[in-house]
Amino acid sequence: PFPSLTSSLLSLGPLVVRPDYLIMLAAM
C-alpha cells in the first residue's frame, strides 16, 4: 500500500475524515 501521508483521522462529530483525502480534495 502507498503510505498514508497522515497518521490520524479527523472526527467531525459522528463523521470521520482522513486528512490526506481532505488535502486531496482541497488540492483538486
PDB file of all heavy atoms in Angstrom:
ATOM      1  N   PRO A   1       0.838  -1.206   0.000  1.00  0.00           N
ATOM      2  CA  PRO A   1       0.000   0.000   0.000  1.00  0.00           C
ATOM      3  C   PRO A   1       0.866   1.246   0.000  1.00  0.00           C
ATOM      4  O   PRO A   1       1.949   1.270   0.583  1.00  0.00           O
ATOM      5  CB  PRO A   1      -0.782  -0.124   1.306  1.00  0.00           C
ATOM      6  CG  PRO A   1       0.118  -0.919   2.195  1.00  0.00           C
ATOM      7  CD  PRO A   1       0.874  -1.867   1.293  1.00  0.00           C
ATOM      8  N   PHE A   2       0.392   2.289  -0.694  1.00  0.00           N
ATOM      9  CA  PHE A   2       1.104   3.557  -0.650  1.00  0.00           C
ATOM     10  C   PHE A   2       0.945   4.106   0.752  1.00  0.00           C
ATOM     11  O   PHE A   2      -0.150   4.084   1.315  1.00  0.00           O
ATOM     12  CB  PHE A   2       0.529   4.534  -1.685  1.00  0.00           C
ATOM     13  CG  PHE A   2       1.344   5.771  -1.845  1.00  0.00           C
ATOM     14  CD1 PHE A   2       2.508   5.751  -2.588  1.00  0.00           C
ATOM     15  CD2 PHE A   2       0.967   6.950  -1.235  1.00  0.00           C
ATOM     16  CE1 PHE A   2       3.282   6.890  -2.731  1.00  0.00           C
ATOM     17  CE2 PHE A   2       1.723   8.097  -1.374  1.00  0.00           C
ATOM     18  CZ  PHE A   2       2.889   8.063  -2.123  1.00  0.00           C
ATOM     19  N   PRO A   3       2.019   4.590   1.368  1.00  0.00           N
ATOM     20  CA  PRO A   3       1.920   5.043   2.766  1.00  0.00           C
ATOM     21  C   PRO A   3       0.995   6.239   2.912  1.00  0.00           C
ATOM     22  O   PRO A   3       0.965   7.128   2.083  1.00  0.00           O
ATOM     23  CB  PRO A   3       3.365   5.423   3.105  1.00  0.00           C
ATOM     24  CG  PRO A   3       4.027   5.637   1.806  1.00  0.00           C
ATOM     25  CD  PRO A   3       3.348   4.759   0.819  1.00  0.00           C
ATOM     26  N   SER A   4       0.238   6.220   3.989  1.00  0.00           N
ATOM     27  CA  SER A   4      -0.651   7.341   4.290  1.00  0.00           C
ATOM     28  C   SER A   4       0.186   8.546   4.692  1.00  0.00           C
ATOM     29  O   SER A   4       1.152   8.424   5.435  1.00  0.00           O
ATOM     30  CB  SER A   4      -1.596   6.964   5.429  1.00  0.00           C
ATOM     31  OG  SER A   4      -2.405   8.056   5.757  1.00  0.00           O
ATOM     32  N   LEU A   5      -0.170   9.699   4.170  1.00  0.00           N
ATOM     33  CA  LEU A   5       0.602  10.901   4.470  1.00  0.00           C
ATOM     34  C   LEU A   5       0.327  11.435   5.866  1.00  0.00           C
ATOM     35  O   LEU A   5       1.077  12.251   6.382  1.00  0.00           O
ATOM     36  CB  LEU A   5       0.305  11.980   3.427  1.00  0.00           C
ATOM     37  CG  LEU A   5       0.674  11.603   1.998  1.00  0.00           C
ATOM     38  CD1 LEU A   5       0.293  12.710   1.045  1.00  0.00           C
ATOM     39  CD2 LEU A   5       2.146  11.284   1.884  1.00  0.00           C
ATOM     40  N   THR A   6      -0.745  10.995   6.485  1.00  0.00           N
ATOM     41  CA  THR A   6      -1.074  11.390   7.857  1.00  0.00           C
ATOM     42  C   THR A   6      -1.395  10.135   8.647  1.00  0.00           C
ATOM     43  O   THR A   6      -1.791   9.116   8.089  1.00  0.00           O
ATOM     44  CB  THR A   6      -2.275  12.345   7.891  1.00  0.00           C
ATOM     45  OG1 THR A   6      -3.386  11.713   7.272  1.00  0.00           O
ATOM     46  CG2 THR A   6      -1.962  13.639   7.171  1.00  0.00           C
ATOM     47  N   SER A   7      -1.239  10.229   9.945  1.00  0.00           N
ATOM     48  CA  SER A   7      -1.439   9.025  10.755  1.00  0.00           C
ATOM     49  C   SER A   7      -2.737   9.025  11.550  1.00  0.00           C
ATOM     50  O   SER A   7      -3.128   8.012  12.091  1.00  0.00           O
ATOM     51  CB  SER A   7      -0.259   8.855  11.712  1.00  0.00           C
ATOM     52  OG  SER A   7      -0.161   9.973  12.553  1.00  0.00           O
ATOM     53  N   SER A   8      -3.404  10.145  11.643  1.00  0.00           N
ATOM     54  CA  SER A   8      -4.609  10.203  12.463  1.00  0.00           C
ATOM     55  C   SER A   8      -5.825  10.519  11.600  1.00  0.00           C
ATOM     56  O   SER A   8      -5.713  10.939  10.460  1.00  0.00           O
ATOM     57  CB  SER A   8      -4.449  11.266  13.547  1.00  0.00           C
ATOM     58  OG  SER A   8      -4.289  12.534  12.944  1.00  0.00           O
ATOM     59  N   LEU A   9      -6.988  10.309  12.162  1.00  0.00           N
ATOM     60  CA  LEU A   9      -8.243  10.623  11.497  1.00  0.00           C
ATOM     61  C   LEU A   9      -8.862  11.849  12.153  1.00  0.00           C
ATOM     62  O   LEU A   9      -8.679  12.098  13.341  1.00  0.00           O
ATOM     63  CB  LEU A   9      -9.209   9.443  11.615  1.00  0.00           C
ATOM     64  CG  LEU A   9      -8.779   8.139  10.963  1.00  0.00           C
ATOM     65  CD1 LEU A   9      -9.774   7.026  11.292  1.00  0.00           C
ATOM     66  CD2 LEU A   9      -8.666   8.301   9.469  1.00  0.00           C
ATOM     67  N   LEU A  10      -9.595  12.613  11.367  1.00  0.00           N
ATOM     68  CA  LEU A  10     -10.316  13.764  11.913  1.00  0.00           C
ATOM     69  C   LEU A  10     -11.754  13.361  12.188  1.00  0.00           C
ATOM     70  O   LEU A  10     -12.399  12.753  11.345  1.00  0.00           O
ATOM     71  CB  LEU A  10     -10.305  14.924  10.914  1.00  0.00           C
ATOM     72  CG  LEU A  10      -8.972  15.571  10.598  1.00  0.00           C
ATOM     73  CD1 LEU A  10      -9.148  16.620   9.506  1.00  0.00           C
ATOM     74  CD2 LEU A  10      -8.385  16.209  11.840  1.00  0.00           C
ATOM     75  N   SER A  11     -12.232  13.689  13.353  1.00  0.00           N
ATOM     76  CA  SER A  11     -13.621  13.402  13.689  1.00  0.00           C
ATOM     77  C   SER A  11     -14.417  14.689  13.636  1.00  0.00           C
ATOM     78  O   SER A  11     -14.074  15.678  14.286  1.00  0.00           O
ATOM     79  CB  SER A  11     -13.719  12.801  15.092  1.00  0.00           C
ATOM     80  OG  SER A  11     -13.098  11.549  15.126  1.00  0.00           O
ATOM     81  N   LEU A  12     -15.476  14.669  12.856  1.00  0.00           N
ATOM     82  CA  LEU A  12     -16.395  15.796  12.766  1.00  0.00           C
ATOM     83  C   LEU A  12     -17.734  15.326  13.315  1.00  0.00           C
ATOM     84  O   LEU A  12     -18.627  14.979  12.566  1.00  0.00           O
ATOM     85  CB  LEU A  12     -16.536  16.265  11.313  1.00  0.00           C
ATOM     86  CG  LEU A  12     -15.242  16.614  10.576  1.00  0.00           C
ATOM     87  CD1 LEU A  12     -15.503  16.833   9.106  1.00  0.00           C
ATOM     88  CD2 LEU A  12     -14.630  17.850  11.202  1.00  0.00           C
ATOM     89  N   GLY A  13     -17.803  15.273  14.615  1.00  0.00           N
ATOM     90  CA  GLY A  13     -18.984  14.699  15.250  1.00  0.00           C
ATOM     91  C   GLY A  13     -18.985  13.198  15.011  1.00  0.00           C
ATOM     92  O   GLY A  13     -18.002  12.521  15.279  1.00  0.00           O
ATOM     93  N   PRO A  14     -20.061  12.665  14.454  1.00  0.00           N
ATOM     94  CA  PRO A  14     -20.094  11.230  14.184  1.00  0.00           C
ATOM     95  C   PRO A  14     -19.385  10.849  12.877  1.00  0.00           C
ATOM     96  O   PRO A  14     -19.219   9.675  12.587  1.00  0.00           O
ATOM     97  CB  PRO A  14     -21.597  10.930  14.076  1.00  0.00           C
ATOM     98  CG  PRO A  14     -22.195  12.217  13.622  1.00  0.00           C
ATOM     99  CD  PRO A  14     -21.356  13.297  14.238  1.00  0.00           C
ATOM    100  N   LEU A  15     -18.937  11.833  12.108  1.00  0.00           N
ATOM    101  CA  LEU A  15     -18.287  11.571  10.825  1.00  0.00           C
ATOM    102  C   LEU A  15     -16.772  11.521  10.995  1.00  0.00           C
ATOM    103  O   LEU A  15     -16.205  12.241  11.814  1.00  0.00           O
ATOM    104  CB  LEU A  15     -18.655  12.650   9.809  1.00  0.00           C
ATOM    105  CG  LEU A  15     -20.146  12.841   9.548  1.00  0.00           C
ATOM    106  CD1 LEU A  15     -20.366  14.018   8.632  1.00  0.00           C
ATOM    107  CD2 LEU A  15     -20.751  11.580   8.964  1.00  0.00           C
ATOM    108  N   VAL A  16     -16.129  10.671  10.199  1.00  0.00           N
ATOM    109  CA  VAL A  16     -14.680  10.520  10.251  1.00  0.00           C
ATOM    110  C   VAL A  16     -14.119  10.830   8.870  1.00  0.00           C
ATOM    111  O   VAL A  16     -14.630  10.349   7.857  1.00  0.00           O
ATOM    112  CB  VAL A  16     -14.297   9.076  10.670  1.00  0.00           C
ATOM    113  CG1 VAL A  16     -12.795   8.894  10.671  1.00  0.00           C
ATOM    114  CG2 VAL A  16     -14.883   8.749  12.027  1.00  0.00           C
ATOM    115  N   VAL A  17     -13.042  11.643   8.836  1.00  0.00           N
ATOM    116  CA  VAL A  17     -12.420  12.052   7.582  1.00  0.00           C
ATOM    117  C   VAL A  17     -10.924  11.803   7.679  1.00  0.00           C
ATOM    118  O   VAL A  17     -10.299  12.125   8.691  1.00  0.00           O
ATOM    119  CB  VAL A  17     -12.681  13.556   7.314  1.00  0.00           C
ATOM    120  CG1 VAL A  17     -11.992  14.014   6.051  1.00  0.00           C
ATOM    121  CG2 VAL A  17     -14.160  13.839   7.239  1.00  0.00           C
ATOM    122  N   ARG A  18     -10.365  11.238   6.614  1.00  0.00           N
ATOM    123  CA  ARG A  18      -8.913  11.079   6.536  1.00  0.00           C
ATOM    124  C   ARG A  18      -8.304  12.412   6.093  1.00  0.00           C
ATOM    125  O   ARG A  18      -8.719  12.975   5.088  1.00  0.00           O
ATOM    126  CB  ARG A  18      -8.532   9.988   5.542  1.00  0.00           C
ATOM    127  CG  ARG A  18      -8.792   8.604   6.050  1.00  0.00           C
ATOM    128  CD  ARG A  18      -8.390   7.544   5.080  1.00  0.00           C
ATOM    129  NE  ARG A  18      -7.031   7.715   4.585  1.00  0.00           N
ATOM    130  CZ  ARG A  18      -6.453   6.854   3.768  1.00  0.00           C
ATOM    131  NH1 ARG A  18      -7.098   5.796   3.347  1.00  0.00           N
ATOM    132  NH2 ARG A  18      -5.225   7.070   3.342  1.00  0.00           N
ATOM    133  N   PRO A  19      -7.315  12.928   6.826  1.00  0.00           N
ATOM    134  CA  PRO A  19      -6.722  14.215   6.458  1.00  0.00           C
ATOM    135  C   PRO A  19      -6.081  14.227   5.066  1.00  0.00           C
ATOM    136  O   PRO A  19      -6.137  15.228   4.369  1.00  0.00           O
ATOM    137  CB  PRO A  19      -5.674  14.457   7.545  1.00  0.00           C
ATOM    138  CG  PRO A  19      -6.128  13.645   8.701  1.00  0.00           C
ATOM    139  CD  PRO A  19      -6.811  12.453   8.111  1.00  0.00           C
ATOM    140  N   ASP A  20      -5.459  13.103   4.653  1.00  0.00           N
ATOM    141  CA  ASP A  20      -4.844  13.093   3.329  1.00  0.00           C
ATOM    142  C   ASP A  20      -5.898  13.178   2.228  1.00  0.00           C
ATOM    143  O   ASP A  20      -5.681  13.807   1.192  1.00  0.00           O
ATOM    144  CB  ASP A  20      -3.934  11.881   3.140  1.00  0.00           C
ATOM    145  CG  ASP A  20      -4.592  10.559   3.479  1.00  0.00           C
ATOM    146  OD1 ASP A  20      -5.689  10.563   4.066  1.00  0.00           O
ATOM    147  OD2 ASP A  20      -4.005   9.510   3.160  1.00  0.00           O
ATOM    148  N   TYR A  21      -7.068  12.602   2.454  1.00  0.00           N
ATOM    149  CA  TYR A  21      -8.153  12.745   1.473  1.00  0.00           C
ATOM    150  C   TYR A  21      -8.689  14.174   1.458  1.00  0.00           C
ATOM    151  O   TYR A  21      -9.057  14.691   0.408  1.00  0.00           O
ATOM    152  CB  TYR A  21      -9.295  11.786   1.794  1.00  0.00           C
ATOM    153  CG  TYR A  21      -9.055  10.360   1.407  1.00  0.00           C
ATOM    154  CD1 TYR A  21      -7.848   9.939   0.853  1.00  0.00           C
ATOM    155  CD2 TYR A  21     -10.030   9.398   1.591  1.00  0.00           C
ATOM    156  CE1 TYR A  21      -7.634   8.626   0.501  1.00  0.00           C
ATOM    157  CE2 TYR A  21      -9.829   8.076   1.235  1.00  0.00           C
ATOM    158  CZ  TYR A  21      -8.628   7.696   0.699  1.00  0.00           C
ATOM    159  OH  TYR A  21      -8.419   6.403   0.346  1.00  0.00           O
ATOM    160  N   LEU A  22      -8.710  14.805   2.624  1.00  0.00           N
ATOM    161  CA  LEU A  22      -9.149  16.187   2.704  1.00  0.00           C
ATOM    162  C   LEU A  22      -8.171  17.108   1.965  1.00  0.00           C
ATOM    163  O   LEU A  22      -8.578  18.022   1.251  1.00  0.00           O
ATOM    164  CB  LEU A  22      -9.281  16.600   4.168  1.00  0.00           C
ATOM    165  CG  LEU A  22     -10.061  17.851   4.481  1.00  0.00           C
ATOM    166  CD1 LEU A  22     -11.488  17.761   3.955  1.00  0.00           C
ATOM    167  CD2 LEU A  22     -10.063  18.103   5.975  1.00  0.00           C
ATOM    168  N   ILE A  23      -6.879  16.829   2.096  1.00  0.00           N
ATOM    169  CA  ILE A  23      -5.853  17.582   1.368  1.00  0.00           C
ATOM    170  C   ILE A  23      -6.023  17.383  -0.139  1.00  0.00           C
ATOM    171  O   ILE A  23      -5.917  18.323  -0.921  1.00  0.00           O
ATOM    172  CB  ILE A  23      -4.438  17.165   1.831  1.00  0.00           C
ATOM    173  CG1 ILE A  23      -4.200  17.619   3.266  1.00  0.00           C
ATOM    174  CG2 ILE A  23      -3.362  17.707   0.896  1.00  0.00           C
ATOM    175  CD1 ILE A  23      -2.975  17.007   3.916  1.00  0.00           C
ATOM    176  N   MET A  24      -6.304  16.142  -0.549  1.00  0.00           N
ATOM    177  CA  MET A  24      -6.501  15.855  -1.963  1.00  0.00           C
ATOM    178  C   MET A  24      -7.723  16.589  -2.505  1.00  0.00           C
ATOM    179  O   MET A  24      -7.695  17.134  -3.612  1.00  0.00           O
ATOM    180  CB  MET A  24      -6.654  14.338  -2.167  1.00  0.00           C
ATOM    181  CG  MET A  24      -6.597  13.908  -3.584  1.00  0.00           C
ATOM    182  SD  MET A  24      -6.397  12.133  -3.813  1.00  0.00           S
ATOM    183  CE  MET A  24      -7.351  11.403  -2.529  1.00  0.00           C
ATOM    184  N   LEU A  25      -8.801  16.634  -1.736  1.00  0.00           N
ATOM    185  CA  LEU A  25      -9.993  17.358  -2.157  1.00  0.00           C
ATOM    186  C   LEU A  25      -9.697  18.855  -2.287  1.00  0.00           C
ATOM    187  O   LEU A  25     -10.070  19.485  -3.282  1.00  0.00           O
ATOM    188  CB  LEU A  25     -11.137  17.138  -1.162  1.00  0.00           C
ATOM    189  CG  LEU A  25     -12.425  17.911  -1.427  1.00  0.00           C
ATOM    190  CD1 LEU A  25     -13.058  17.463  -2.739  1.00  0.00           C
ATOM    191  CD2 LEU A  25     -13.397  17.741  -0.276  1.00  0.00           C
ATOM    192  N   ALA A  26      -8.981  19.408  -1.317  1.00  0.00           N
ATOM    193  CA  ALA A  26      -8.631  20.830  -1.374  1.00  0.00           C
ATOM    194  C   ALA A  26      -7.719  21.118  -2.567  1.00  0.00           C
ATOM    195  O   ALA A  26      -7.891  22.128  -3.261  1.00  0.00           O
ATOM    196  CB  ALA A  26      -7.958  21.258  -0.075  1.00  0.00           C
ATOM    197  N   ALA A  27      -6.775  20.222  -2.827  1.00  0.00           N
ATOM    198  CA  ALA A  27      -5.878  20.404  -3.977  1.00  0.00           C
ATOM    199  C   ALA A  27      -6.655  20.346  -5.281  1.00  0.00           C
ATOM    200  O   ALA A  27      -6.425  21.153  -6.189  1.00  0.00           O
ATOM    201  CB  ALA A  27      -4.787  19.339  -3.963  1.00  0.00           C
ATOM    202  N   MET A  28      -7.579  19.418  -5.395  1.00  0.00           N
ATOM    203  CA  MET A  28      -8.375  19.304  -6.613  1.00  0.00           C
ATOM    204  C   MET A  28      -9.216  20.552  -6.834  1.00  0.00           C
ATOM    205  O   MET A  28      -9.275  21.086  -7.946  1.00  0.00           O
ATOM    206  CB  MET A  28      -9.280  18.067  -6.540  1.00  0.00           C
ATOM    207  CG  MET A  28      -9.932  17.674  -7.850  1.00  0.00           C
ATOM    208  SD  MET A  28     -11.584  18.306  -8.166  1.00  0.00           S
ATOM    209  CE  MET A  28     -12.482  17.891  -6.727  1.00  0.00           C
TER     210      MET A  28
END
